[in-house]
């Protein structure tokens, strides 16, 4: 039900951009915000899972605060009680397993996360925003109603979720295209320029007495993109996350490998990936104590949406933010798009 004098804004997706926008609009007395999130968690692919008595970040492992407005948000506006710095560099390796020092400039920038998981950021943004968040609601249609000059949202069970003066889409572009339908051909065309790759993520718990991390670096990234593993990181580098007797290793796989194996059984793939890690680190064997897996159909943005075309749709109250308008999967960049779009919504 519309409250008198209020403009209703629907945010579809509780990722970094959507929550940053909701937070930025928290003091807009004339805007009533409802967030629809298909899962039961916050921050999208910057997710945290509780597994094996630990808090694990299977997607985005950390974030930077090199953007001034994002730095102010993280360090000045939100609580820093849980904020921790990740120690250690990100080094590189090639398809033959050769390792080398990483980019000195990037390694000079601080890597941040939260003691209880990266999605602590989402929880703080949501709490500060004070808006309604509808968890477990997958929106299926966003339709423009010419008669009322507003947007009607319907979920996958054909339940009417209400009429809104404006809608902000912050989900992956292929999913956003499905929502707007053929009636918004210009928006769909703009979004189609944003392409994504799939990715498997494996987290292994090893006995620290049997295997050791081969250096003081935090993570390794495959520089030539010819190895089947794209990223390896040591969760022990995150303070107070992992007990001393356990080595927790996260492996994120190359998109090509992930796509080919996307429907394969996770347990069988995990044995293959553990063997890759053992070979890379010269362990001889890698018998893990426990395993956690996660896969994303739309994980890594490889192309950017046509922002100019998307801006044209804003005159009718349809907005897009998130990594689809950046073309890169970076938490800070997604946050910035949310802060930026909030200013445009406020000024509409």
Protein backbone atom coordinates (compact mmCIF):
# COMPACT_ATOMS: atom_id res chain seq x y z
CA UNK A 1 0.00 0.00 0.00
CA UNK A 2 1.42 3.37 -1.02
CA UNK A 3 1.93 5.75 1.89
CA UNK A 4 0.68 9.31 1.34
CA UNK A 5 3.39 11.55 -0.12
CA UNK A 6 5.78 8.66 -0.65
CA UNK A 7 7.42 7.52 -3.89
CA UNK A 8 7.87 3.74 -3.94
CA UNK A 9 11.21 2.29 -5.06
CA UNK A 10 11.73 -1.44 -5.63
CA UNK A 11 15.30 -2.75 -5.57
CA UNK A 12 15.59 -6.19 -7.15
CA UNK A 13 18.63 -7.89 -5.67
CA UNK A 14 20.41 -7.37 -2.35
CA UNK A 15 23.90 -7.23 -3.80
CA UNK A 16 26.47 -4.53 -2.97
CA UNK A 17 25.00 -2.00 -5.42
CA UNK A 18 21.41 -2.43 -4.26
CA UNK A 19 22.25 -2.18 -0.58
CA UNK A 20 24.56 0.79 -1.15
CA UNK A 21 21.74 2.58 -2.99
CA UNK A 22 19.29 1.81 -0.18
CA UNK A 23 21.79 3.09 2.36
CA UNK A 24 22.41 6.31 0.40
CA UNK A 25 18.65 6.94 0.25
CA UNK A 26 18.09 6.20 3.95
CA UNK A 27 17.37 9.86 4.76
CA UNK A 28 15.09 10.49 1.77
CA UNK A 29 11.80 10.97 3.63
CA UNK A 30 9.78 10.96 0.41
CA UNK A 31 11.04 7.55 -0.79
CA UNK A 32 9.78 4.21 0.49
CA UNK A 33 12.16 1.34 -0.40
CA UNK A 34 11.47 -2.38 -0.71
CA UNK A 35 14.28 -4.80 -1.52
CA UNK A 36 13.48 -8.17 -3.12
CA UNK A 37 16.14 -10.85 -2.71
CA UNK A 38 15.73 -14.36 -4.14
CA UNK A 39 18.07 -15.98 -1.60
CA UNK A 40 18.07 -15.89 2.18
CA UNK A 41 21.32 -13.92 2.37
CA UNK A 42 22.85 -10.58 1.46
CA UNK A 43 25.56 -9.24 -0.83
CA UNK A 44 25.10 -11.61 -3.78
CA UNK A 45 28.35 -13.22 -4.93
CA UNK A 46 30.17 -11.47 -2.08
CA UNK A 47 28.69 -14.20 0.07
CA UNK A 48 29.61 -15.77 3.40
CA UNK A 49 28.73 -19.32 4.41
CA UNK A 50 28.82 -21.02 7.80
CA UNK A 51 30.45 -24.40 7.25
CA UNK A 52 32.39 -26.81 9.49
CA UNK A 53 32.30 -24.33 12.34
CA UNK A 54 33.93 -21.62 10.21
CA UNK A 55 32.83 -18.54 8.27
CA UNK A 56 33.85 -18.89 4.62
CA UNK A 57 33.80 -16.42 1.70
CA UNK A 58 33.52 -18.59 -1.43
CA UNK A 59 32.99 -15.70 -3.86
CA UNK A 60 34.59 -12.30 -3.38
CA UNK A 61 37.44 -12.91 -0.94
CA UNK A 62 38.08 -9.29 0.00
CA UNK A 63 37.51 -5.71 -1.14
CA UNK A 64 39.58 -2.55 -1.52
CA UNK A 65 38.69 0.99 -0.53
CA UNK A 66 40.64 2.89 -3.18
CA UNK A 67 37.53 4.78 -4.33
CA UNK A 68 37.09 7.86 -2.10
CA UNK A 69 33.33 7.58 -1.59
CA UNK A 70 33.60 3.86 -0.87
CA UNK A 71 36.44 4.53 1.58
CA UNK A 72 34.28 7.05 3.42
CA UNK A 73 31.41 4.55 3.55
CA UNK A 74 33.55 1.71 4.92
CA UNK A 75 35.83 3.59 7.28
CA UNK A 76 33.71 6.54 8.41
CA UNK A 77 30.01 5.80 7.95
CA UNK A 78 29.81 2.14 8.96
CA UNK A 79 31.13 0.39 12.05
CA UNK A 80 34.75 -0.76 11.83
CA UNK A 81 34.59 -3.06 14.84
CA UNK A 82 34.64 -6.17 12.63
CA UNK A 83 36.82 -4.75 9.86
CA UNK A 84 40.13 -6.57 9.42
CA UNK A 85 43.08 -6.24 7.07
CA UNK A 86 44.29 -9.30 5.16
CA UNK A 87 48.06 -9.72 5.41
CA UNK A 88 50.17 -11.12 2.60
CA UNK A 89 50.58 -10.41 -1.10
CA UNK A 90 48.76 -11.84 -4.09
CA UNK A 91 51.46 -13.57 -6.13
CA UNK A 92 51.14 -15.13 -9.57
CA UNK A 93 51.65 -18.54 -11.15
CA UNK A 94 51.66 -19.83 -14.74
CA UNK A 95 50.33 -22.91 -16.50
CA UNK A 96 53.48 -24.86 -15.60
CA UNK A 97 53.18 -24.02 -11.91
CA UNK A 98 55.97 -21.48 -11.85
CA UNK A 99 55.39 -18.84 -9.15
CA UNK A 100 56.52 -15.22 -9.04
CA UNK A 101 55.86 -12.02 -7.11
CA UNK A 102 52.63 -10.22 -7.94
CA UNK A 103 51.98 -6.66 -9.01
CA UNK A 104 53.74 -4.41 -6.48
CA UNK A 105 51.27 -1.57 -6.97
CA UNK A 106 48.22 -3.74 -6.33
CA UNK A 107 49.92 -5.46 -3.43
CA UNK A 108 50.57 -2.07 -1.94
CA UNK A 109 46.82 -1.50 -1.62
CA UNK A 110 45.15 -2.78 1.54
CA UNK A 111 42.82 -5.76 1.29
CA UNK A 112 39.84 -5.66 3.65
CA UNK A 113 37.20 -8.05 4.92
CA UNK A 114 35.24 -8.61 8.14
CA UNK A 115 36.00 -10.96 10.99
CA UNK A 116 32.63 -12.70 10.65
CA UNK A 117 32.68 -12.77 6.86
CA UNK A 118 32.52 -10.36 3.96
CA UNK A 119 28.72 -10.31 4.03
CA UNK A 120 28.94 -8.40 7.32
CA UNK A 121 29.10 -5.40 5.00
CA UNK A 122 25.68 -6.31 3.61
CA UNK A 123 24.21 -6.73 7.08
CA UNK A 124 25.45 -3.31 8.17
CA UNK A 125 24.20 -1.59 5.03
CA UNK A 126 20.77 -3.21 5.36
CA UNK A 127 20.49 -2.31 9.05
CA UNK A 128 21.51 1.30 8.44
CA UNK A 129 19.20 1.63 5.44
CA UNK A 130 16.22 0.58 7.55
CA UNK A 131 14.21 -0.52 4.52
CA UNK A 132 12.03 -3.58 4.05
CA UNK A 133 13.88 -6.60 2.66
CA UNK A 134 11.80 -9.46 1.28
CA UNK A 135 14.00 -12.57 1.43
CA UNK A 136 13.29 -15.66 -0.64
CA UNK A 137 11.31 -13.71 -3.24
CA UNK A 138 12.34 -14.23 -6.86
CA UNK A 139 10.87 -11.53 -9.05
CA UNK A 140 9.85 -12.85 -12.47
CA UNK A 141 8.37 -9.78 -14.19
CA UNK A 142 8.89 -6.04 -14.10
CA UNK A 143 6.27 -4.41 -16.32
CA UNK A 144 5.58 -0.78 -17.15
CA UNK A 145 1.92 0.23 -16.79
CA UNK A 146 1.18 3.16 -19.03
CA UNK A 147 -2.15 3.91 -17.38
CA UNK A 148 -0.63 4.45 -13.95
CA UNK A 149 2.86 5.45 -15.15
CA UNK A 150 4.34 2.95 -12.70
CA UNK A 151 6.01 -0.46 -12.58
CA UNK A 152 4.26 -3.64 -11.46
CA UNK A 153 6.34 -6.50 -10.06
CA UNK A 154 5.30 -10.15 -10.07
CA UNK A 155 7.19 -13.09 -8.57
CA UNK A 156 7.75 -16.59 -9.97
CA UNK A 157 4.54 -17.83 -8.33
CA UNK A 158 2.59 -15.13 -10.16
CA UNK A 159 2.05 -13.23 -6.91
CA UNK A 160 1.58 -9.51 -7.38
CA UNK A 161 4.33 -7.77 -5.40
CA UNK A 162 2.97 -4.28 -5.91
CA UNK A 163 3.25 -1.14 -8.01
CA UNK A 164 6.32 1.07 -7.76
CA UNK A 165 7.24 4.49 -9.08
CA UNK A 166 10.79 3.35 -9.80
CA UNK A 167 12.72 0.08 -10.01
CA UNK A 168 16.44 -0.54 -9.54
CA UNK A 169 17.79 -3.79 -11.00
CA UNK A 170 21.07 -4.99 -9.50
CA UNK A 171 21.13 -8.62 -10.56
CA UNK A 172 23.27 -10.15 -13.36
CA UNK A 173 22.35 -8.78 -16.78
CA UNK A 174 21.02 -12.08 -18.25
CA UNK A 175 18.59 -12.36 -15.34
CA UNK A 176 17.60 -8.71 -15.60
CA UNK A 177 16.77 -9.19 -19.30
CA UNK A 178 14.32 -11.94 -18.37
CA UNK A 179 12.56 -9.64 -15.92
CA UNK A 180 11.95 -6.69 -18.23
CA UNK A 181 10.67 -8.83 -21.11
CA UNK A 182 10.23 -7.86 -24.77
CA UNK A 183 8.39 -4.65 -23.93
CA UNK A 184 11.69 -3.09 -22.87
CA UNK A 185 13.67 -3.98 -25.97
CA UNK A 186 16.06 -1.03 -25.61
CA UNK A 187 16.93 -1.99 -22.02
CA UNK A 188 17.36 -5.64 -23.00
CA UNK A 189 19.65 -4.65 -25.85
CA UNK A 190 21.75 -2.48 -23.54
CA UNK A 191 22.01 -5.26 -20.96
CA UNK A 192 22.91 -7.86 -23.57
CA UNK A 193 26.29 -6.16 -23.95
CA UNK A 194 27.18 -7.31 -20.43
CA UNK A 195 28.47 -10.88 -20.66
CA UNK A 196 29.35 -13.26 -17.84
CA UNK A 197 31.41 -16.37 -17.24
CA UNK A 198 30.58 -19.26 -14.93
CA UNK A 199 32.75 -20.40 -12.04
CA UNK A 200 33.18 -23.25 -9.59
CA UNK A 201 34.62 -22.46 -6.15
CA UNK A 202 36.03 -25.16 -3.86
CA UNK A 203 37.07 -24.70 -0.22
CA UNK A 204 39.19 -27.41 1.37
CA UNK A 205 40.07 -27.99 5.01
CA UNK A 206 43.46 -29.71 5.33
CA UNK A 207 45.34 -30.96 8.37
CA UNK A 208 48.01 -28.31 8.95
CA UNK A 209 50.34 -30.98 10.28
CA UNK A 210 50.29 -32.86 6.99
CA UNK A 211 50.52 -30.04 4.43
CA UNK A 212 51.91 -26.51 4.50
CA UNK A 213 51.22 -23.35 2.51
CA UNK A 214 54.36 -22.77 0.41
CA UNK A 215 55.17 -19.19 1.34
CA UNK A 216 54.05 -16.10 3.21
CA UNK A 217 51.79 -14.85 0.40
CA UNK A 218 48.04 -14.66 0.90
CA UNK A 219 46.93 -15.84 -2.53
CA UNK A 220 47.99 -16.88 -6.02
CA UNK A 221 46.36 -15.79 -9.27
CA UNK A 222 46.97 -17.54 -12.59
CA UNK A 223 48.53 -14.82 -14.70
CA UNK A 224 48.46 -16.51 -18.12
CA UNK A 225 44.96 -17.99 -17.60
CA UNK A 226 46.20 -21.33 -18.91
CA UNK A 227 46.00 -23.29 -15.68
CA UNK A 228 42.70 -24.91 -14.71
CA UNK A 229 42.86 -23.12 -11.38
CA UNK A 230 42.32 -19.36 -11.60
CA UNK A 231 42.80 -18.40 -7.94
CA UNK A 232 44.10 -19.97 -4.75
CA UNK A 233 43.94 -18.29 -1.35
CA UNK A 234 44.69 -19.13 2.26
CA UNK A 235 41.77 -18.30 4.52
CA UNK A 236 44.14 -18.49 7.50
CA UNK A 237 45.35 -15.01 6.48
CA UNK A 238 42.03 -13.63 7.73
CA UNK A 239 42.51 -13.01 11.43
CA UNK A 240 40.67 -15.27 13.91
CA UNK A 241 38.93 -17.18 11.12
CA UNK A 242 40.69 -20.56 11.14
CA UNK A 243 42.02 -22.69 14.04
CA UNK A 244 45.78 -23.33 14.10
CA UNK A 245 45.56 -27.03 13.31
CA UNK A 246 43.68 -26.45 10.02
CA UNK A 247 44.81 -25.05 6.68
CA UNK A 248 41.85 -23.73 4.68
CA UNK A 249 42.49 -23.32 0.96
CA UNK A 250 40.03 -21.77 -1.48
CA UNK A 251 40.30 -22.64 -5.17
CA UNK A 252 38.35 -20.76 -7.81
CA UNK A 253 38.46 -22.37 -11.22
CA UNK A 254 38.98 -20.97 -14.69
CA UNK A 255 35.72 -20.12 -16.50
CA UNK A 256 36.37 -22.55 -19.36
CA UNK A 257 36.91 -25.45 -16.98
CA UNK A 258 33.92 -24.36 -14.90
CA UNK A 259 31.62 -24.25 -17.90
CA UNK A 260 32.66 -27.67 -19.20
CA UNK A 261 32.20 -29.20 -15.74
CA UNK A 262 29.26 -27.10 -14.58
CA UNK A 263 26.83 -30.04 -14.26
CA UNK A 264 29.36 -32.59 -13.01
CA UNK A 265 29.15 -33.99 -9.44
CA UNK A 266 30.92 -31.65 -7.03
CA UNK A 267 32.54 -34.40 -4.97
CA UNK A 268 34.23 -35.95 -8.00
CA UNK A 269 35.44 -32.58 -9.23
CA UNK A 270 36.81 -31.79 -5.77
CA UNK A 271 39.13 -34.80 -5.90
CA UNK A 272 40.46 -33.55 -9.23
CA UNK A 273 40.97 -30.02 -7.92
CA UNK A 274 42.68 -31.22 -4.73
CA UNK A 275 45.12 -33.19 -6.89
CA UNK A 276 45.83 -30.01 -8.90
CA UNK A 277 46.64 -28.12 -5.69
CA UNK A 278 48.89 -30.93 -4.44
CA UNK A 279 50.80 -30.95 -7.73
CA UNK A 280 51.17 -27.16 -7.77
CA UNK A 281 52.46 -27.04 -4.18
CA UNK A 282 54.49 -30.25 -4.36
CA UNK A 283 52.57 -31.95 -1.59
CA UNK A 284 52.58 -35.41 -3.10
CA UNK A 285 49.05 -36.02 -1.81
CA UNK A 286 46.19 -33.87 -0.58
CA UNK A 287 43.70 -35.69 1.62
CA UNK A 288 41.32 -33.01 2.77
CA UNK A 289 39.35 -33.23 6.01
CA UNK A 290 36.30 -31.46 4.71
CA UNK A 291 34.99 -29.76 1.60
CA UNK A 292 32.61 -26.96 0.71
CA UNK A 293 31.58 -26.08 -2.85
CA UNK A 294 29.79 -23.25 -4.58
CA UNK A 295 29.09 -22.55 -8.23
CA UNK A 296 27.78 -19.49 -10.02
CA UNK A 297 26.25 -19.47 -13.49
CA UNK A 298 26.87 -15.72 -13.79
CA UNK A 299 30.00 -15.02 -11.82
CA UNK A 300 32.63 -13.08 -13.73
CA UNK A 301 31.58 -10.06 -15.85
CA UNK A 302 33.50 -9.92 -19.11
CA UNK A 303 31.56 -7.18 -20.91
CA UNK A 304 29.87 -3.93 -19.92
CA UNK A 305 26.26 -2.95 -20.59
CA UNK A 306 25.55 0.04 -22.82
CA UNK A 307 25.28 2.66 -20.07
CA UNK A 308 24.00 5.43 -22.37
CA UNK A 309 21.04 3.30 -23.45
CA UNK A 310 20.29 2.39 -19.86
CA UNK A 311 20.31 6.03 -18.82
CA UNK A 312 17.58 6.75 -21.36
CA UNK A 313 15.25 4.35 -19.52
CA UNK A 314 15.76 6.25 -16.27
CA UNK A 315 13.29 8.89 -17.43
CA UNK A 316 10.57 6.29 -16.75
CA UNK A 317 12.07 5.22 -13.43
CA UNK A 318 13.94 2.08 -14.51
CA UNK A 319 17.51 1.97 -13.20
CA UNK A 320 20.37 -0.55 -13.40
CA UNK A 321 23.44 -0.77 -11.16
CA UNK A 322 26.05 -3.35 -10.20
CA UNK A 323 28.81 -5.11 -12.05
CA UNK A 324 26.84 -5.22 -15.31
CA UNK A 325 27.47 -1.48 -15.76
CA UNK A 326 31.12 -1.86 -14.76
CA UNK A 327 32.17 -4.98 -16.63
CA UNK A 328 34.33 -6.15 -13.72
CA UNK A 329 33.53 -8.14 -10.61
CA UNK A 330 34.80 -5.82 -7.88
CA UNK A 331 32.91 -5.15 -4.65
CA UNK A 332 34.07 -1.53 -4.43
CA UNK A 333 33.03 -0.80 -8.02
CA UNK A 334 29.60 -2.31 -7.44
CA UNK A 335 29.19 -0.26 -4.27
CA UNK A 336 30.08 2.88 -6.19
CA UNK A 337 27.45 2.22 -8.85
CA UNK A 338 24.86 1.93 -6.09
CA UNK A 339 25.93 5.20 -4.50
CA UNK A 340 25.88 6.90 -7.91
CA UNK A 341 22.46 5.64 -8.95
CA UNK A 342 20.99 6.67 -5.60
CA UNK A 343 21.89 10.28 -6.39
CA UNK A 344 20.09 10.05 -9.72
CA UNK A 345 17.04 8.46 -8.09
CA UNK A 346 16.97 11.16 -5.43
CA UNK A 347 17.12 13.88 -8.07
CA UNK A 348 14.34 12.39 -10.22
